[in-house]
Amino acid sequence: MKITFPKTKKPGWLQNFDDVYCDYVSTLNLGVYKIKSSCSNLFGEFDFGGVKINMQENVETGRYSSSAMVGASKSFEGPAGTELEVSIATLVE
């Protein structure tokens, strides 16, 4: 009589708490500035007058990322209905 045992799975990573159990989501919108909090994740966004800043932080993993964009645009109307628009932007991550 031969007895066989089922192969056991190798231990792996646990599921992320936020993906499984996080029901808490809070958003604060102040017009030009918005903050969103979801358990261990924090998102911030600032958008005003050609300046846009995004920030994301995960306190569980300690990861932080952000980006900032600055831009300006100016348009000119010429004779006979011609238009010219000039814009410049830069991105910093």
PDB file of N, CA and C in Angstrom:
ATOM      1  N   MET A   1       0.843  -1.166   0.000  1.00  0.00           N
ATOM      2  CA  MET A   1       0.000   0.000   0.000  1.00  0.00           C
ATOM      3  C   MET A   1       0.900   1.246   0.000  1.00  0.00           C
ATOM      4  N   LYS A   2       0.659   2.124  -0.942  1.00  0.00           N
ATOM      5  CA  LYS A   2       1.464   3.333  -1.072  1.00  0.00           C
ATOM      6  C   LYS A   2       0.628   4.535  -0.648  1.00  0.00           C
ATOM      7  N   ILE A   3       1.183   5.335   0.265  1.00  0.00           N
ATOM      8  CA  ILE A   3       0.489   6.532   0.759  1.00  0.00           C
ATOM      9  C   ILE A   3       1.157   7.751   0.143  1.00  0.00           C
ATOM     10  N   THR A   4       0.368   8.624  -0.453  1.00  0.00           N
ATOM     11  CA  THR A   4       0.896   9.847  -1.028  1.00  0.00           C
ATOM     12  C   THR A   4       0.265  11.044  -0.324  1.00  0.00           C
ATOM     13  N   PHE A   5       1.054  12.022  -0.108  1.00  0.00           N
ATOM     14  CA  PHE A   5       0.577  13.240   0.535  1.00  0.00           C
ATOM     15  C   PHE A   5       0.505  14.351  -0.519  1.00  0.00           C
ATOM     16  N   PRO A   6      -0.483  15.198  -0.393  1.00  0.00           N
ATOM     17  CA  PRO A   6      -0.564  16.298  -1.361  1.00  0.00           C
ATOM     18  C   PRO A   6       0.626  17.254  -1.192  1.00  0.00           C
ATOM     19  N   LYS A   7       1.067  17.782  -2.315  1.00  0.00           N
ATOM     20  CA  LYS A   7       2.182  18.721  -2.271  1.00  0.00           C
ATOM     21  C   LYS A   7       1.717  20.005  -1.591  1.00  0.00           C
ATOM     22  N   THR A   8       2.533  20.468  -0.705  1.00  0.00           N
ATOM     23  CA  THR A   8       2.195  21.721  -0.021  1.00  0.00           C
ATOM     24  C   THR A   8       2.729  22.889  -0.835  1.00  0.00           C
ATOM     25  N   LYS A   9       1.991  23.970  -0.780  1.00  0.00           N
ATOM     26  CA  LYS A   9       2.415  25.166  -1.502  1.00  0.00           C
ATOM     27  C   LYS A   9       3.537  25.849  -0.733  1.00  0.00           C
ATOM     28  N   LYS A  10       4.420  26.444  -1.482  1.00  0.00           N
ATOM     29  CA  LYS A  10       5.486  27.210  -0.853  1.00  0.00           C
ATOM     30  C   LYS A  10       4.882  28.468  -0.246  1.00  0.00           C
ATOM     31  N   PRO A  11       5.411  28.880   0.884  1.00  0.00           N
ATOM     32  CA  PRO A  11       4.872  30.107   1.474  1.00  0.00           C
ATOM     33  C   PRO A  11       5.134  31.292   0.554  1.00  0.00           C
ATOM     34  N   GLY A  12       4.161  32.173   0.468  1.00  0.00           N
ATOM     35  CA  GLY A  12       4.292  33.342  -0.398  1.00  0.00           C
ATOM     36  C   GLY A  12       4.009  34.605   0.383  1.00  0.00           C
ATOM     37  N   TRP A  13       3.839  35.669  -0.349  1.00  0.00           N
ATOM     38  CA  TRP A  13       3.561  36.957   0.263  1.00  0.00           C
ATOM     39  C   TRP A  13       2.112  37.018   0.722  1.00  0.00           C
ATOM     40  N   LEU A  14       1.896  37.672   1.831  1.00  0.00           N
ATOM     41  CA  LEU A  14       0.546  37.909   2.291  1.00  0.00           C
ATOM     42  C   LEU A  14      -0.092  38.989   1.433  1.00  0.00           C
ATOM     43  N   GLN A  15      -1.408  39.000   1.405  1.00  0.00           N
ATOM     44  CA  GLN A  15      -2.109  40.029   0.658  1.00  0.00           C
ATOM     45  C   GLN A  15      -1.918  41.380   1.332  1.00  0.00           C
ATOM     46  N   ASN A  16      -1.961  42.407   0.544  1.00  0.00           N
ATOM     47  CA  ASN A  16      -1.858  43.754   1.069  1.00  0.00           C
ATOM     48  C   ASN A  16      -3.140  44.080   1.838  1.00  0.00           C
ATOM     49  N   PHE A  17      -3.010  44.591   3.055  1.00  0.00           N
ATOM     50  CA  PHE A  17      -4.160  44.899   3.898  1.00  0.00           C
ATOM     51  C   PHE A  17      -5.130  45.838   3.205  1.00  0.00           C
ATOM     52  N   ASP A  18      -4.606  46.858   2.543  1.00  0.00           N
ATOM     53  CA  ASP A  18      -5.468  47.843   1.889  1.00  0.00           C
ATOM     54  C   ASP A  18      -6.308  47.224   0.779  1.00  0.00           C
ATOM     55  N   ASP A  19      -5.765  46.236   0.086  1.00  0.00           N
ATOM     56  CA  ASP A  19      -6.507  45.590  -0.998  1.00  0.00           C
ATOM     57  C   ASP A  19      -7.647  44.724  -0.479  1.00  0.00           C
ATOM     58  N   VAL A  20      -7.526  44.203   0.725  1.00  0.00           N
ATOM     59  CA  VAL A  20      -8.505  43.251   1.243  1.00  0.00           C
ATOM     60  C   VAL A  20      -9.482  43.881   2.227  1.00  0.00           C
ATOM     61  N   TYR A  21      -8.987  44.662   3.175  1.00  0.00           N
ATOM     62  CA  TYR A  21      -9.829  45.096   4.283  1.00  0.00           C
ATOM     63  C   TYR A  21     -10.084  46.601   4.376  1.00  0.00           C
ATOM     64  N   CYS A  22      -9.495  47.400   3.522  1.00  0.00           N
ATOM     65  CA  CYS A  22      -9.623  48.845   3.670  1.00  0.00           C
ATOM     66  C   CYS A  22     -10.957  49.349   3.129  1.00  0.00           C
ATOM     67  N   ASP A  23     -11.801  49.810   4.017  1.00  0.00           N
ATOM     68  CA  ASP A  23     -13.070  50.411   3.628  1.00  0.00           C
ATOM     69  C   ASP A  23     -13.068  51.908   3.891  1.00  0.00           C
ATOM     70  N   TYR A  24     -11.976  52.432   4.448  1.00  0.00           N
ATOM     71  CA  TYR A  24     -11.909  53.835   4.835  1.00  0.00           C
ATOM     72  C   TYR A  24     -11.295  54.647   3.705  1.00  0.00           C
ATOM     73  N   VAL A  25     -12.073  55.557   3.135  1.00  0.00           N
ATOM     74  CA  VAL A  25     -11.582  56.475   2.124  1.00  0.00           C
ATOM     75  C   VAL A  25     -12.119  57.854   2.470  1.00  0.00           C
ATOM     76  N   SER A  26     -11.238  58.819   2.599  1.00  0.00           N
ATOM     77  CA  SER A  26     -11.623  60.183   2.958  1.00  0.00           C
ATOM     78  C   SER A  26     -11.024  61.143   1.943  1.00  0.00           C
ATOM     79  N   THR A  27     -11.827  62.105   1.479  1.00  0.00           N
ATOM     80  CA  THR A  27     -11.357  63.092   0.519  1.00  0.00           C
ATOM     81  C   THR A  27     -11.670  64.488   1.023  1.00  0.00           C
ATOM     82  N   LEU A  28     -10.676  65.348   0.986  1.00  0.00           N
ATOM     83  CA  LEU A  28     -10.828  66.754   1.353  1.00  0.00           C
ATOM     84  C   LEU A  28     -10.490  67.570   0.117  1.00  0.00           C
ATOM     85  N   ASN A  29     -11.493  68.304  -0.400  1.00  0.00           N
ATOM     86  CA  ASN A  29     -11.301  69.086  -1.607  1.00  0.00           C
ATOM     87  C   ASN A  29     -11.455  70.562  -1.277  1.00  0.00           C
ATOM     88  N   LEU A  30     -10.354  71.321  -1.386  1.00  0.00           N
ATOM     89  CA  LEU A  30     -10.364  72.747  -1.094  1.00  0.00           C
ATOM     90  C   LEU A  30     -10.254  73.581  -2.372  1.00  0.00           C
ATOM     91  N   GLY A  31     -10.707  73.050  -3.464  1.00  0.00           N
ATOM     92  CA  GLY A  31     -10.644  73.753  -4.744  1.00  0.00           C
ATOM     93  C   GLY A  31      -9.321  73.538  -5.442  1.00  0.00           C
ATOM     94  N   VAL A  32      -8.300  74.263  -5.047  1.00  0.00           N
ATOM     95  CA  VAL A  32      -6.993  74.138  -5.697  1.00  0.00           C
ATOM     96  C   VAL A  32      -6.139  73.045  -5.052  1.00  0.00           C
ATOM     97  N   TYR A  33      -6.529  72.573  -3.884  1.00  0.00           N
ATOM     98  CA  TYR A  33      -5.768  71.542  -3.182  1.00  0.00           C
ATOM     99  C   TYR A  33      -6.705  70.413  -2.775  1.00  0.00           C
ATOM    100  N   LYS A  34      -6.305  69.170  -3.072  1.00  0.00           N
ATOM    101  CA  LYS A  34      -7.138  68.014  -2.747  1.00  0.00           C
ATOM    102  C   LYS A  34      -6.283  66.966  -2.044  1.00  0.00           C
ATOM    103  N   ILE A  35      -6.807  66.407  -0.960  1.00  0.00           N
ATOM    104  CA  ILE A  35      -6.130  65.350  -0.213  1.00  0.00           C
ATOM    105  C   ILE A  35      -7.061  64.144  -0.160  1.00  0.00           C
ATOM    106  N   LYS A  36      -6.527  62.966  -0.480  1.00  0.00           N
ATOM    107  CA  LYS A  36      -7.301  61.729  -0.399  1.00  0.00           C
ATOM    108  C   LYS A  36      -6.523  60.747   0.475  1.00  0.00           C
ATOM    109  N   SER A  37      -7.188  60.216   1.477  1.00  0.00           N
ATOM    110  CA  SER A  37      -6.571  59.266   2.392  1.00  0.00           C
ATOM    111  C   SER A  37      -7.320  57.947   2.300  1.00  0.00           C
ATOM    112  N   SER A  38      -6.584  56.858   2.128  1.00  0.00           N
ATOM    113  CA  SER A  38      -7.170  55.526   2.033  1.00  0.00           C
ATOM    114  C   SER A  38      -6.276  54.569   2.815  1.00  0.00           C
ATOM    115  N   CYS A  39      -6.620  54.344   4.075  1.00  0.00           N
ATOM    116  CA  CYS A  39      -5.838  53.504   4.991  1.00  0.00           C
ATOM    117  C   CYS A  39      -4.378  53.949   5.018  1.00  0.00           C
ATOM    118  N   SER A  40      -3.471  53.189   4.434  1.00  0.00           N
ATOM    119  CA  SER A  40      -2.058  53.558   4.522  1.00  0.00           C
ATOM    120  C   SER A  40      -1.583  54.371   3.323  1.00  0.00           C
ATOM    121  N   ASN A  41      -2.466  54.747   2.416  1.00  0.00           N
ATOM    122  CA  ASN A  41      -2.096  55.554   1.252  1.00  0.00           C
ATOM    123  C   ASN A  41      -2.593  56.981   1.421  1.00  0.00           C
ATOM    124  N   LEU A  42      -1.744  57.933   1.052  1.00  0.00           N
ATOM    125  CA  LEU A  42      -2.095  59.342   1.125  1.00  0.00           C
ATOM    126  C   LEU A  42      -1.752  59.983  -0.218  1.00  0.00           C
ATOM    127  N   PHE A  43      -2.733  60.656  -0.826  1.00  0.00           N
ATOM    128  CA  PHE A  43      -2.557  61.313  -2.112  1.00  0.00           C
ATOM    129  C   PHE A  43      -2.833  62.801  -1.934  1.00  0.00           C
ATOM    130  N   GLY A  44      -2.001  63.632  -2.509  1.00  0.00           N
ATOM    131  CA  GLY A  44      -2.206  65.076  -2.471  1.00  0.00           C
ATOM    132  C   GLY A  44      -2.057  65.651  -3.861  1.00  0.00           C
ATOM    133  N   GLU A  45      -2.881  66.664  -4.174  1.00  0.00           N
ATOM    134  CA  GLU A  45      -2.825  67.285  -5.490  1.00  0.00           C
ATOM    135  C   GLU A  45      -3.070  68.781  -5.357  1.00  0.00           C
ATOM    136  N   PHE A  46      -2.170  69.573  -5.928  1.00  0.00           N
ATOM    137  CA  PHE A  46      -2.291  71.024  -5.957  1.00  0.00           C
ATOM    138  C   PHE A  46      -2.305  71.446  -7.416  1.00  0.00           C
ATOM    139  N   ASP A  47      -3.309  72.240  -7.815  1.00  0.00           N
ATOM    140  CA  ASP A  47      -3.431  72.664  -9.209  1.00  0.00           C
ATOM    141  C   ASP A  47      -3.947  74.093  -9.252  1.00  0.00           C
ATOM    142  N   PHE A  48      -3.065  75.033  -9.586  1.00  0.00           N
ATOM    143  CA  PHE A  48      -3.478  76.429  -9.626  1.00  0.00           C
ATOM    144  C   PHE A  48      -2.507  77.245 -10.474  1.00  0.00           C
ATOM    145  N   GLY A  49      -3.040  78.039 -11.370  1.00  0.00           N
ATOM    146  CA  GLY A  49      -2.250  78.997 -12.139  1.00  0.00           C
ATOM    147  C   GLY A  49      -1.066  78.431 -12.892  1.00  0.00           C
ATOM    148  N   GLY A  50      -1.211  77.298 -13.525  1.00  0.00           N
ATOM    149  CA  GLY A  50      -0.114  76.712 -14.290  1.00  0.00           C
ATOM    150  C   GLY A  50       0.853  75.882 -13.471  1.00  0.00           C
ATOM    151  N   VAL A  51       0.592  75.728 -12.183  1.00  0.00           N
ATOM    152  CA  VAL A  51       1.440  74.903 -11.314  1.00  0.00           C
ATOM    153  C   VAL A  51       0.618  73.703 -10.856  1.00  0.00           C
ATOM    154  N   LYS A  52       1.137  72.505 -11.103  1.00  0.00           N
ATOM    155  CA  LYS A  52       0.442  71.289 -10.683  1.00  0.00           C
ATOM    156  C   LYS A  52       1.438  70.403  -9.950  1.00  0.00           C
ATOM    157  N   ILE A  53       1.104  70.037  -8.716  1.00  0.00           N
ATOM    158  CA  ILE A  53       1.975  69.197  -7.889  1.00  0.00           C
ATOM    159  C   ILE A  53       1.173  67.987  -7.428  1.00  0.00           C
ATOM    160  N   ASN A  54       1.703  66.797  -7.656  1.00  0.00           N
ATOM    161  CA  ASN A  54       1.088  65.550  -7.201  1.00  0.00           C
ATOM    162  C   ASN A  54       2.029  64.859  -6.220  1.00  0.00           C
ATOM    163  N   MET A  55       1.454  64.250  -5.183  1.00  0.00           N
ATOM    164  CA  MET A  55       2.240  63.570  -4.168  1.00  0.00           C
ATOM    165  C   MET A  55       1.505  62.294  -3.782  1.00  0.00           C
ATOM    166  N   GLN A  56       2.254  61.220  -3.596  1.00  0.00           N
ATOM    167  CA  GLN A  56       1.684  59.959  -3.144  1.00  0.00           C
ATOM    168  C   GLN A  56       2.626  59.349  -2.118  1.00  0.00           C
ATOM    169  N   GLU A  57       2.063  58.884  -1.009  1.00  0.00           N
ATOM    170  CA  GLU A  57       2.868  58.275   0.045  1.00  0.00           C
ATOM    171  C   GLU A  57       2.159  57.032   0.558  1.00  0.00           C
ATOM    172  N   ASN A  58       2.914  55.969   0.766  1.00  0.00           N
ATOM    173  CA  ASN A  58       2.393  54.747   1.366  1.00  0.00           C
ATOM    174  C   ASN A  58       3.159  54.528   2.661  1.00  0.00           C
ATOM    175  N   VAL A  59       2.490  54.712   3.800  1.00  0.00           N
ATOM    176  CA  VAL A  59       3.176  54.601   5.085  1.00  0.00           C
ATOM    177  C   VAL A  59       3.474  53.152   5.453  1.00  0.00           C
ATOM    178  N   GLU A  60       2.774  52.217   4.836  1.00  0.00           N
ATOM    179  CA  GLU A  60       3.017  50.798   5.112  1.00  0.00           C
ATOM    180  C   GLU A  60       4.350  50.344   4.518  1.00  0.00           C
ATOM    181  N   THR A  61       4.640  50.776   3.295  1.00  0.00           N
ATOM    182  CA  THR A  61       5.874  50.370   2.631  1.00  0.00           C
ATOM    183  C   THR A  61       6.966  51.420   2.729  1.00  0.00           C
ATOM    184  N   GLY A  62       6.613  52.644   3.118  1.00  0.00           N
ATOM    185  CA  GLY A  62       7.588  53.715   3.218  1.00  0.00           C
ATOM    186  C   GLY A  62       7.944  54.339   1.880  1.00  0.00           C
ATOM    187  N   ARG A  63       7.151  54.087   0.852  1.00  0.00           N
ATOM    188  CA  ARG A  63       7.430  54.642  -0.471  1.00  0.00           C
ATOM    189  C   ARG A  63       6.757  55.996  -0.639  1.00  0.00           C
ATOM    190  N   TYR A  64       7.470  56.886  -1.295  1.00  0.00           N
ATOM    191  CA  TYR A  64       6.989  58.248  -1.512  1.00  0.00           C
ATOM    192  C   TYR A  64       7.327  58.648  -2.936  1.00  0.00           C
ATOM    193  N   SER A  65       6.385  59.248  -3.628  1.00  0.00           N
ATOM    194  CA  SER A  65       6.668  59.755  -4.969  1.00  0.00           C
ATOM    195  C   SER A  65       5.921  61.061  -5.172  1.00  0.00           C
ATOM    196  N   SER A  66       6.499  61.918  -5.991  1.00  0.00           N
ATOM    197  CA  SER A  66       5.848  63.189  -6.274  1.00  0.00           C
ATOM    198  C   SER A  66       6.303  63.700  -7.629  1.00  0.00           C
ATOM    199  N   SER A  67       5.520  64.602  -8.173  1.00  0.00           N
ATOM    200  CA  SER A  67       5.879  65.253  -9.425  1.00  0.00           C
ATOM    201  C   SER A  67       5.353  66.677  -9.390  1.00  0.00           C
ATOM    202  N   ALA A  68       6.051  67.553 -10.084  1.00  0.00           N
ATOM    203  CA  ALA A  68       5.631  68.950 -10.163  1.00  0.00           C
ATOM    204  C   ALA A  68       5.738  69.398 -11.614  1.00  0.00           C
ATOM    205  N   MET A  69       4.703  70.049 -12.091  1.00  0.00           N
ATOM    206  CA  MET A  69       4.690  70.581 -13.449  1.00  0.00           C
ATOM    207  C   MET A  69       4.403  72.075 -13.372  1.00  0.00           C
ATOM    208  N   VAL A  70       5.188  72.842 -14.096  1.00  0.00           N
ATOM    209  CA  VAL A  70       5.003  74.287 -14.167  1.00  0.00           C
ATOM    210  C   VAL A  70       4.888  74.648 -15.637  1.00  0.00           C
ATOM    211  N   GLY A  71       3.859  75.398 -15.963  1.00  0.00           N
ATOM    212  CA  GLY A  71       3.672  75.773 -17.359  1.00  0.00           C
ATOM    213  C   GLY A  71       2.973  77.105 -17.490  1.00  0.00           C
ATOM    214  N   ALA A  72       3.136  77.709 -18.651  1.00  0.00           N
ATOM    215  CA  ALA A  72       2.478  78.978 -18.941  1.00  0.00           C
ATOM    216  C   ALA A  72       2.069  78.977 -20.404  1.00  0.00           C
ATOM    217  N   SER A  73       0.993  79.672 -20.691  1.00  0.00           N
ATOM    218  CA  SER A  73       0.497  79.734 -22.051  1.00  0.00           C
ATOM    219  C   SER A  73       0.013  81.154 -22.336  1.00  0.00           C
ATOM    220  N   LYS A  74       0.268  81.614 -23.532  1.00  0.00           N
ATOM    221  CA  LYS A  74      -0.167  82.951 -23.934  1.00  0.00           C
ATOM    222  C   LYS A  74      -0.610  82.886 -25.392  1.00  0.00           C
ATOM    223  N   SER A  75      -1.763  83.460 -25.680  1.00  0.00           N
ATOM    224  CA  SER A  75      -2.242  83.464 -27.055  1.00  0.00           C
ATOM    225  C   SER A  75      -2.365  84.898 -27.554  1.00  0.00           C
ATOM    226  N   PHE A  76      -2.168  85.065 -28.845  1.00  0.00           N
ATOM    227  CA  PHE A  76      -2.236  86.375 -29.494  1.00  0.00           C
ATOM    228  C   PHE A  76      -3.164  86.282 -30.693  1.00  0.00           C
ATOM    229  N   GLU A  77      -3.988  87.307 -30.871  1.00  0.00           N
ATOM    230  CA  GLU A  77      -4.839  87.382 -32.056  1.00  0.00           C
ATOM    231  C   GLU A  77      -4.258  88.420 -32.994  1.00  0.00           C
ATOM    232  N   GLY A  78      -4.068  88.007 -34.229  1.00  0.00           N
ATOM    233  CA  GLY A  78      -3.486  88.904 -35.221  1.00  0.00           C
ATOM    234  C   GLY A  78      -4.533  89.391 -36.207  1.00  0.00           C
ATOM    235  N   PRO A  79      -4.095  90.074 -37.234  1.00  0.00           N
ATOM    236  CA  PRO A  79      -5.034  90.566 -38.240  1.00  0.00           C
ATOM    237  C   PRO A  79      -5.625  89.421 -39.060  1.00  0.00           C
ATOM    238  N   ALA A  80      -6.792  89.659 -39.591  1.00  0.00           N
ATOM    239  CA  ALA A  80      -7.499  88.703 -40.465  1.00  0.00           C
ATOM    240  C   ALA A  80      -7.778  87.381 -39.759  1.00  0.00           C
ATOM    241  N   GLY A  81      -8.012  87.410 -38.453  1.00  0.00           N
ATOM    242  CA  GLY A  81      -8.408  86.209 -37.716  1.00  0.00           C
ATOM    243  C   GLY A  81      -7.294  85.219 -37.447  1.00  0.00           C
ATOM    244  N   THR A  82      -6.045  85.587 -37.619  1.00  0.00           N
ATOM    245  CA  THR A  82      -4.950  84.671 -37.321  1.00  0.00           C
ATOM    246  C   THR A  82      -4.704  84.641 -35.818  1.00  0.00           C
ATOM    247  N   GLU A  83      -4.333  83.485 -35.345  1.00  0.00           N
ATOM    248  CA  GLU A  83      -4.061  83.311 -33.912  1.00  0.00           C
ATOM    249  C   GLU A  83      -2.717  82.630 -33.730  1.00  0.00           C
ATOM    250  N   LEU A  84      -2.071  82.977 -32.655  1.00  0.00           N
ATOM    251  CA  LEU A  84      -0.788  82.375 -32.306  1.00  0.00           C
ATOM    252  C   LEU A  84      -0.814  82.055 -30.817  1.00  0.00           C
ATOM    253  N   GLU A  85      -0.437  80.847 -30.457  1.00  0.00           N
ATOM    254  CA  GLU A  85      -0.391  80.454 -29.048  1.00  0.00           C
ATOM    255  C   GLU A  85       1.000  79.925 -28.716  1.00  0.00           C
ATOM    256  N   VAL A  86       1.565  80.412 -27.641  1.00  0.00           N
ATOM    257  CA  VAL A  86       2.885  80.000 -27.185  1.00  0.00           C
ATOM    258  C   VAL A  86       2.723  79.395 -25.804  1.00  0.00           C
ATOM    259  N   SER A  87       3.299  78.211 -25.599  1.00  0.00           N
ATOM    260  CA  SER A  87       3.225  77.581 -24.280  1.00  0.00           C
ATOM    261  C   SER A  87       4.568  76.954 -23.946  1.00  0.00           C
ATOM    262  N   ILE A  88       4.844  76.903 -22.662  1.00  0.00           N
ATOM    263  CA  ILE A  88       6.084  76.306 -22.169  1.00  0.00           C
ATOM    264  C   ILE A  88       5.744  75.542 -20.888  1.00  0.00           C
ATOM    265  N   ALA A  89       6.356  74.397 -20.699  1.00  0.00           N
ATOM    266  CA  ALA A  89       6.086  73.578 -19.513  1.00  0.00           C
ATOM    267  C   ALA A  89       7.325  72.793 -19.146  1.00  0.00           C
ATOM    268  N   THR A  90       7.425  72.445 -17.899  1.00  0.00           N
ATOM    269  CA  THR A  90       8.511  71.597 -17.424  1.00  0.00           C
ATOM    270  C   THR A  90       7.966  70.627 -16.383  1.00  0.00           C
ATOM    271  N   LEU A  91       8.572  69.469 -16.276  1.00  0.00           N
ATOM    272  CA  LEU A  91       8.137  68.420 -15.348  1.00  0.00           C
ATOM    273  C   LEU A  91       9.321  67.994 -14.504  1.00  0.00           C
ATOM    274  N   VAL A  92       9.093  67.898 -13.196  1.00  0.00           N
ATOM    275  CA  VAL A  92      10.113  67.420 -12.257  1.00  0.00           C
ATOM    276  C   VAL A  92       9.529  66.267 -11.481  1.00  0.00           C
ATOM    277  N   GLU A  93      10.236  65.138 -11.451  1.00  0.00           N
ATOM    278  CA  GLU A  93       9.769  63.990 -10.682  1.00  0.00           C
ATOM    279  C   GLU A  93      10.787  63.651  -9.619  1.00  0.00           C
TER     280      GLU A  93
END
